PDB file of N, CA and C in Angstrom:
ATOM      1  N   UNK A   1     -34.589 -22.076 -22.974  1.00  0.00           N
ATOM      2  CA  UNK A   1     -34.018 -20.740 -22.962  1.00  0.00           C
ATOM      3  C   UNK A   1     -32.510 -20.851 -22.810  1.00  0.00           C
ATOM      4  N   UNK A   2     -31.778 -20.242 -23.707  1.00  0.00           N
ATOM      5  CA  UNK A   2     -30.320 -20.277 -23.666  1.00  0.00           C
ATOM      6  C   UNK A   2     -29.799 -19.024 -22.951  1.00  0.00           C
ATOM      7  N   UNK A   3     -28.889 -19.227 -22.008  1.00  0.00           N
ATOM      8  CA  UNK A   3     -28.300 -18.099 -21.287  1.00  0.00           C
ATOM      9  C   UNK A   3     -27.108 -17.558 -22.059  1.00  0.00           C
ATOM     10  N   UNK A   4     -27.002 -16.247 -22.083  1.00  0.00           N
ATOM     11  CA  UNK A   4     -25.846 -15.620 -22.729  1.00  0.00           C
ATOM     12  C   UNK A   4     -24.675 -15.610 -21.766  1.00  0.00           C
ATOM     13  N   UNK A   5     -23.466 -15.590 -22.312  1.00  0.00           N
ATOM     14  CA  UNK A   5     -22.277 -15.547 -21.470  1.00  0.00           C
ATOM     15  C   UNK A   5     -21.998 -14.139 -20.959  1.00  0.00           C
ATOM     16  N   UNK A   6     -22.324 -13.115 -21.749  1.00  0.00           N
ATOM     17  CA  UNK A   6     -22.021 -11.735 -21.370  1.00  0.00           C
ATOM     18  C   UNK A   6     -23.301 -10.906 -21.328  1.00  0.00           C
ATOM     19  N   UNK A   7     -23.405 -10.060 -20.321  1.00  0.00           N
ATOM     20  CA  UNK A   7     -24.518  -9.132 -20.198  1.00  0.00           C
ATOM     21  C   UNK A   7     -23.943  -7.730 -20.044  1.00  0.00           C
ATOM     22  N   UNK A   8     -24.681  -6.736 -20.494  1.00  0.00           N
ATOM     23  CA  UNK A   8     -24.232  -5.353 -20.347  1.00  0.00           C
ATOM     24  C   UNK A   8     -24.520  -4.885 -18.922  1.00  0.00           C
ATOM     25  N   UNK A   9     -23.838  -3.822 -18.504  1.00  0.00           N
ATOM     26  CA  UNK A   9     -24.075  -3.261 -17.169  1.00  0.00           C
ATOM     27  C   UNK A   9     -25.530  -2.827 -17.017  1.00  0.00           C
ATOM     28  N   UNK A  10     -26.095  -2.273 -18.087  1.00  0.00           N
ATOM     29  CA  UNK A  10     -27.486  -1.814 -18.038  1.00  0.00           C
ATOM     30  C   UNK A  10     -28.442  -2.988 -17.804  1.00  0.00           C
ATOM     31  N   UNK A  11     -28.182  -4.115 -18.456  1.00  0.00           N
ATOM     32  CA  UNK A  11     -29.022  -5.293 -18.271  1.00  0.00           C
ATOM     33  C   UNK A  11     -28.904  -5.823 -16.849  1.00  0.00           C
ATOM     34  N   UNK A  12     -27.695  -5.845 -16.312  1.00  0.00           N
ATOM     35  CA  UNK A  12     -27.488  -6.353 -14.957  1.00  0.00           C
ATOM     36  C   UNK A  12     -28.144  -5.457 -13.910  1.00  0.00           C
ATOM     37  N   UNK A  13     -28.146  -4.138 -14.153  1.00  0.00           N
ATOM     38  CA  UNK A  13     -28.757  -3.205 -13.206  1.00  0.00           C
ATOM     39  C   UNK A  13     -30.261  -3.427 -13.102  1.00  0.00           C
ATOM     40  N   UNK A  14     -30.878  -3.956 -14.161  1.00  0.00           N
ATOM     41  CA  UNK A  14     -32.319  -4.211 -14.168  1.00  0.00           C
ATOM     42  C   UNK A  14     -32.683  -5.489 -13.407  1.00  0.00           C
ATOM     43  N   UNK A  15     -31.691  -6.292 -13.090  1.00  0.00           N
ATOM     44  CA  UNK A  15     -31.939  -7.572 -12.419  1.00  0.00           C
ATOM     45  C   UNK A  15     -32.417  -7.407 -10.996  1.00  0.00           C
ATOM     46  N   UNK A  16     -32.954  -8.468 -10.457  1.00  0.00           N
ATOM     47  CA  UNK A  16     -33.441  -8.480  -9.079  1.00  0.00           C
ATOM     48  C   UNK A  16     -32.276  -8.818  -8.155  1.00  0.00           C
ATOM     49  N   UNK A  17     -32.105  -8.004  -7.123  1.00  0.00           N
ATOM     50  CA  UNK A  17     -31.037  -8.265  -6.160  1.00  0.00           C
ATOM     51  C   UNK A  17     -31.409  -9.473  -5.311  1.00  0.00           C
ATOM     52  N   UNK A  18     -30.402 -10.220  -4.918  1.00  0.00           N
ATOM     53  CA  UNK A  18     -30.610 -11.412  -4.118  1.00  0.00           C
ATOM     54  C   UNK A  18     -31.061 -11.005  -2.706  1.00  0.00           C
ATOM     55  N   UNK A  19     -32.307 -11.337  -2.324  1.00  0.00           N
ATOM     56  CA  UNK A  19     -32.788 -10.937  -0.994  1.00  0.00           C
ATOM     57  C   UNK A  19     -32.100 -11.687   0.144  1.00  0.00           C
ATOM     58  N   UNK A  20     -31.399 -12.774  -0.167  1.00  0.00           N
ATOM     59  CA  UNK A  20     -30.737 -13.569   0.864  1.00  0.00           C
ATOM     60  C   UNK A  20     -29.246 -13.267   0.975  1.00  0.00           C
ATOM     61  N   UNK A  21     -28.747 -12.261   0.245  1.00  0.00           N
ATOM     62  CA  UNK A  21     -27.314 -11.975   0.231  1.00  0.00           C
ATOM     63  C   UNK A  21     -26.748 -11.814   1.637  1.00  0.00           C
ATOM     64  N   UNK A  22     -27.382 -10.990   2.446  1.00  0.00           N
ATOM     65  CA  UNK A  22     -26.849 -10.717   3.787  1.00  0.00           C
ATOM     66  C   UNK A  22     -27.035 -11.901   4.729  1.00  0.00           C
ATOM     67  N   UNK A  23     -27.920 -12.808   4.377  1.00  0.00           N
ATOM     68  CA  UNK A  23     -28.098 -14.016   5.180  1.00  0.00           C
ATOM     69  C   UNK A  23     -26.966 -15.013   4.929  1.00  0.00           C
ATOM     70  N   UNK A  24     -26.501 -15.075   3.675  1.00  0.00           N
ATOM     71  CA  UNK A  24     -25.482 -16.055   3.298  1.00  0.00           C
ATOM     72  C   UNK A  24     -24.086 -15.461   3.110  1.00  0.00           C
ATOM     73  N   UNK A  25     -23.972 -14.155   3.024  1.00  0.00           N
ATOM     74  CA  UNK A  25     -22.669 -13.538   2.781  1.00  0.00           C
ATOM     75  C   UNK A  25     -22.478 -12.291   3.620  1.00  0.00           C
ATOM     76  N   UNK A  26     -21.267 -11.791   3.590  1.00  0.00           N
ATOM     77  CA  UNK A  26     -20.923 -10.590   4.339  1.00  0.00           C
ATOM     78  C   UNK A  26     -19.949  -9.773   3.495  1.00  0.00           C
ATOM     79  N   UNK A  27     -20.164  -8.484   3.430  1.00  0.00           N
ATOM     80  CA  UNK A  27     -19.255  -7.591   2.718  1.00  0.00           C
ATOM     81  C   UNK A  27     -18.105  -7.259   3.658  1.00  0.00           C
ATOM     82  N   UNK A  28     -16.873  -7.436   3.163  1.00  0.00           N
ATOM     83  CA  UNK A  28     -15.673  -7.186   3.957  1.00  0.00           C
ATOM     84  C   UNK A  28     -14.726  -6.340   3.120  1.00  0.00           C
ATOM     85  N   UNK A  29     -14.134  -5.332   3.732  1.00  0.00           N
ATOM     86  CA  UNK A  29     -13.140  -4.513   3.043  1.00  0.00           C
ATOM     87  C   UNK A  29     -11.789  -4.727   3.702  1.00  0.00           C
ATOM     88  N   UNK A  30     -10.757  -4.911   2.872  1.00  0.00           N
ATOM     89  CA  UNK A  30      -9.392  -5.054   3.378  1.00  0.00           C
ATOM     90  C   UNK A  30      -8.464  -4.207   2.530  1.00  0.00           C
ATOM     91  N   UNK A  31      -7.341  -3.834   3.107  1.00  0.00           N
ATOM     92  CA  UNK A  31      -6.322  -3.101   2.361  1.00  0.00           C
ATOM     93  C   UNK A  31      -5.351  -4.117   1.762  1.00  0.00           C
ATOM     94  N   UNK A  32      -5.021  -3.935   0.495  1.00  0.00           N
ATOM     95  CA  UNK A  32      -4.102  -4.832  -0.204  1.00  0.00           C
ATOM     96  C   UNK A  32      -2.946  -3.996  -0.739  1.00  0.00           C
ATOM     97  N   UNK A  33      -1.737  -4.461  -0.494  1.00  0.00           N
ATOM     98  CA  UNK A  33      -0.571  -3.748  -1.012  1.00  0.00           C
ATOM     99  C   UNK A  33      -0.627  -3.677  -2.539  1.00  0.00           C
ATOM    100  N   UNK A  34      -0.105  -2.603  -3.097  1.00  0.00           N
ATOM    101  CA  UNK A  34      -0.114  -2.423  -4.551  1.00  0.00           C
ATOM    102  C   UNK A  34       0.569  -3.587  -5.265  1.00  0.00           C
ATOM    103  N   UNK A  35       1.657  -4.066  -4.688  1.00  0.00           N
ATOM    104  CA  UNK A  35       2.403  -5.169  -5.310  1.00  0.00           C
ATOM    105  C   UNK A  35       1.554  -6.447  -5.333  1.00  0.00           C
ATOM    106  N   UNK A  36       0.826  -6.701  -4.248  1.00  0.00           N
ATOM    107  CA  UNK A  36      -0.032  -7.884  -4.181  1.00  0.00           C
ATOM    108  C   UNK A  36      -1.204  -7.755  -5.156  1.00  0.00           C
ATOM    109  N   UNK A  37      -1.794  -6.574  -5.213  1.00  0.00           N
ATOM    110  CA  UNK A  37      -2.918  -6.346  -6.126  1.00  0.00           C
ATOM    111  C   UNK A  37      -2.482  -6.547  -7.575  1.00  0.00           C
ATOM    112  N   UNK A  38      -1.262  -6.153  -7.881  1.00  0.00           N
ATOM    113  CA  UNK A  38      -0.738  -6.312  -9.243  1.00  0.00           C
ATOM    114  C   UNK A  38      -0.700  -7.788  -9.647  1.00  0.00           C
ATOM    115  N   UNK A  39      -0.394  -8.660  -8.705  1.00  0.00           N
ATOM    116  CA  UNK A  39      -0.386 -10.106  -8.985  1.00  0.00           C
ATOM    117  C   UNK A  39      -1.795 -10.565  -9.354  1.00  0.00           C
ATOM    118  N   UNK A  40      -2.786 -10.135  -8.576  1.00  0.00           N
ATOM    119  CA  UNK A  40      -4.168 -10.510  -8.869  1.00  0.00           C
ATOM    120  C   UNK A  40      -4.623  -9.932 -10.208  1.00  0.00           C
ATOM    121  N   UNK A  41      -4.151  -8.721 -10.534  1.00  0.00           N
ATOM    122  CA  UNK A  41      -4.488  -8.118 -11.832  1.00  0.00           C
ATOM    123  C   UNK A  41      -3.938  -8.948 -12.986  1.00  0.00           C
ATOM    124  N   UNK A  42      -2.708  -9.421 -12.849  1.00  0.00           N
ATOM    125  CA  UNK A  42      -2.096 -10.231 -13.903  1.00  0.00           C
ATOM    126  C   UNK A  42      -2.886 -11.517 -14.136  1.00  0.00           C
ATOM    127  N   UNK A  43      -3.238 -12.194 -13.057  1.00  0.00           N
ATOM    128  CA  UNK A  43      -4.008 -13.438 -13.173  1.00  0.00           C
ATOM    129  C   UNK A  43      -5.387 -13.147 -13.766  1.00  0.00           C
ATOM    130  N   UNK A  44      -5.993 -12.055 -13.348  1.00  0.00           N
ATOM    131  CA  UNK A  44      -7.314 -11.691 -13.853  1.00  0.00           C
ATOM    132  C   UNK A  44      -7.278 -11.434 -15.359  1.00  0.00           C
ATOM    133  N   UNK A  45      -6.235 -10.765 -15.834  1.00  0.00           N
ATOM    134  CA  UNK A  45      -6.114 -10.510 -17.275  1.00  0.00           C
ATOM    135  C   UNK A  45      -6.020 -11.809 -18.059  1.00  0.00           C
ATOM    136  N   UNK A  46      -5.268 -12.764 -17.534  1.00  0.00           N
ATOM    137  CA  UNK A  46      -5.111 -14.058 -18.205  1.00  0.00           C
ATOM    138  C   UNK A  46      -6.460 -14.760 -18.318  1.00  0.00           C
ATOM    139  N   UNK A  47      -7.263 -14.680 -17.261  1.00  0.00           N
ATOM    140  CA  UNK A  47      -8.546 -15.395 -17.211  1.00  0.00           C
ATOM    141  C   UNK A  47      -9.724 -14.556 -17.693  1.00  0.00           C
ATOM    142  N   UNK A  48      -9.480 -13.291 -18.031  1.00  0.00           N
ATOM    143  CA  UNK A  48     -10.561 -12.423 -18.493  1.00  0.00           C
ATOM    144  C   UNK A  48     -11.589 -12.122 -17.421  1.00  0.00           C
ATOM    145  N   UNK A  49     -11.121 -11.840 -16.217  1.00  0.00           N
ATOM    146  CA  UNK A  49     -12.025 -11.535 -15.108  1.00  0.00           C
ATOM    147  C   UNK A  49     -11.477 -10.362 -14.304  1.00  0.00           C
ATOM    148  N   UNK A  50     -12.112 -10.041 -13.194  1.00  0.00           N
ATOM    149  CA  UNK A  50     -11.662  -8.922 -12.371  1.00  0.00           C
ATOM    150  C   UNK A  50     -10.710  -9.418 -11.287  1.00  0.00           C
ATOM    151  N   UNK A  51      -9.817  -8.546 -10.829  1.00  0.00           N
ATOM    152  CA  UNK A  51      -8.924  -8.931  -9.725  1.00  0.00           C
ATOM    153  C   UNK A  51      -9.709  -9.332  -8.472  1.00  0.00           C
ATOM    154  N   UNK A  52     -10.833  -8.670  -8.244  1.00  0.00           N
ATOM    155  CA  UNK A  52     -11.635  -8.976  -7.065  1.00  0.00           C
ATOM    156  C   UNK A  52     -12.197 -10.400  -7.121  1.00  0.00           C
ATOM    157  N   UNK A  53     -12.584 -10.855  -8.307  1.00  0.00           N
ATOM    158  CA  UNK A  53     -13.105 -12.222  -8.415  1.00  0.00           C
ATOM    159  C   UNK A  53     -11.994 -13.247  -8.179  1.00  0.00           C
ATOM    160  N   UNK A  54     -10.768 -12.913  -8.587  1.00  0.00           N
ATOM    161  CA  UNK A  54      -9.628 -13.809  -8.331  1.00  0.00           C
ATOM    162  C   UNK A  54      -9.358 -13.869  -6.827  1.00  0.00           C
ATOM    163  N   UNK A  55      -9.388 -12.709  -6.164  1.00  0.00           N
ATOM    164  CA  UNK A  55      -9.171 -12.674  -4.713  1.00  0.00           C
ATOM    165  C   UNK A  55     -10.253 -13.462  -3.981  1.00  0.00           C
ATOM    166  N   UNK A  56     -11.497 -13.317  -4.416  1.00  0.00           N
ATOM    167  CA  UNK A  56     -12.603 -14.030  -3.781  1.00  0.00           C
ATOM    168  C   UNK A  56     -12.408 -15.536  -3.927  1.00  0.00           C
ATOM    169  N   UNK A  57     -12.014 -15.976  -5.115  1.00  0.00           N
ATOM    170  CA  UNK A  57     -11.792 -17.402  -5.344  1.00  0.00           C
ATOM    171  C   UNK A  57     -10.650 -17.922  -4.471  1.00  0.00           C
ATOM    172  N   UNK A  58      -9.576 -17.146  -4.349  1.00  0.00           N
ATOM    173  CA  UNK A  58      -8.453 -17.542  -3.487  1.00  0.00           C
ATOM    174  C   UNK A  58      -8.897 -17.664  -2.035  1.00  0.00           C
ATOM    175  N   UNK A  59      -9.723 -16.745  -1.592  1.00  0.00           N
ATOM    176  CA  UNK A  59     -10.225 -16.790  -0.224  1.00  0.00           C
ATOM    177  C   UNK A  59     -11.111 -18.018  -0.008  1.00  0.00           C
ATOM    178  N   UNK A  60     -11.945 -18.344  -0.988  1.00  0.00           N
ATOM    179  CA  UNK A  60     -12.795 -19.531  -0.879  1.00  0.00           C
ATOM    180  C   UNK A  60     -11.955 -20.805  -0.813  1.00  0.00           C
ATOM    181  N   UNK A  61     -10.901 -20.877  -1.613  1.00  0.00           N
ATOM    182  CA  UNK A  61     -10.004 -22.037  -1.598  1.00  0.00           C
ATOM    183  C   UNK A  61      -9.308 -22.150  -0.245  1.00  0.00           C
ATOM    184  N   UNK A  62      -8.837 -21.020   0.287  1.00  0.00           N
ATOM    185  CA  UNK A  62      -8.157 -21.024   1.588  1.00  0.00           C
ATOM    186  C   UNK A  62      -9.121 -21.445   2.690  1.00  0.00           C
ATOM    187  N   UNK A  63     -10.359 -20.966   2.644  1.00  0.00           N
ATOM    188  CA  UNK A  63     -11.347 -21.341   3.661  1.00  0.00           C
ATOM    189  C   UNK A  63     -11.635 -22.841   3.594  1.00  0.00           C
ATOM    190  N   UNK A  64     -11.747 -23.379   2.393  1.00  0.00           N
ATOM    191  CA  UNK A  64     -11.983 -24.811   2.234  1.00  0.00           C
ATOM    192  C   UNK A  64     -10.822 -25.621   2.810  1.00  0.00           C
ATOM    193  N   UNK A  65      -9.590 -25.179   2.532  1.00  0.00           N
ATOM    194  CA  UNK A  65      -8.404 -25.867   3.072  1.00  0.00           C
ATOM    195  C   UNK A  65      -8.388 -25.818   4.599  1.00  0.00           C
ATOM    196  N   UNK A  66      -8.751 -24.692   5.171  1.00  0.00           N
ATOM    197  CA  UNK A  66      -8.776 -24.559   6.628  1.00  0.00           C
ATOM    198  C   UNK A  66      -9.821 -25.489   7.246  1.00  0.00           C
ATOM    199  N   UNK A  67     -10.979 -25.597   6.605  1.00  0.00           N
ATOM    200  CA  UNK A  67     -12.021 -26.515   7.102  1.00  0.00           C
ATOM    201  C   UNK A  67     -11.525 -27.948   7.112  1.00  0.00           C
ATOM    202  N   UNK A  68     -10.800 -28.316   6.056  1.00  0.00           N
ATOM    203  CA  UNK A  68     -10.304 -29.694   5.939  1.00  0.00           C
ATOM    204  C   UNK A  68      -9.215 -29.998   6.961  1.00  0.00           C
ATOM    205  N   UNK A  69      -8.512 -28.981   7.456  1.00  0.00           N
ATOM    206  CA  UNK A  69      -7.433 -29.178   8.418  1.00  0.00           C
ATOM    207  C   UNK A  69      -7.945 -29.339   9.844  1.00  0.00           C
ATOM    208  N   UNK A  70      -9.203 -29.062  10.090  1.00  0.00           N
ATOM    209  CA  UNK A  70      -9.765 -29.174  11.450  1.00  0.00           C
ATOM    210  C   UNK A  70      -9.701 -30.596  11.950  1.00  0.00           C
TER     211      UNK A  70
END
């Protein structure tokens, strides 16, 4: 079975939600300055993704760096 690279919103809505999401992750809301968000938007446009996914990746990289500094 070959996986497609792109799915429609309707197809994704039909999917099964991850029952372990809250066990392995946490939803967090933060305020971001407009100027900072604009930077993430620019990078997201270059990579064809959302600003939120760029922010998430940056946070994961920072967390990994912090773990290594212990």
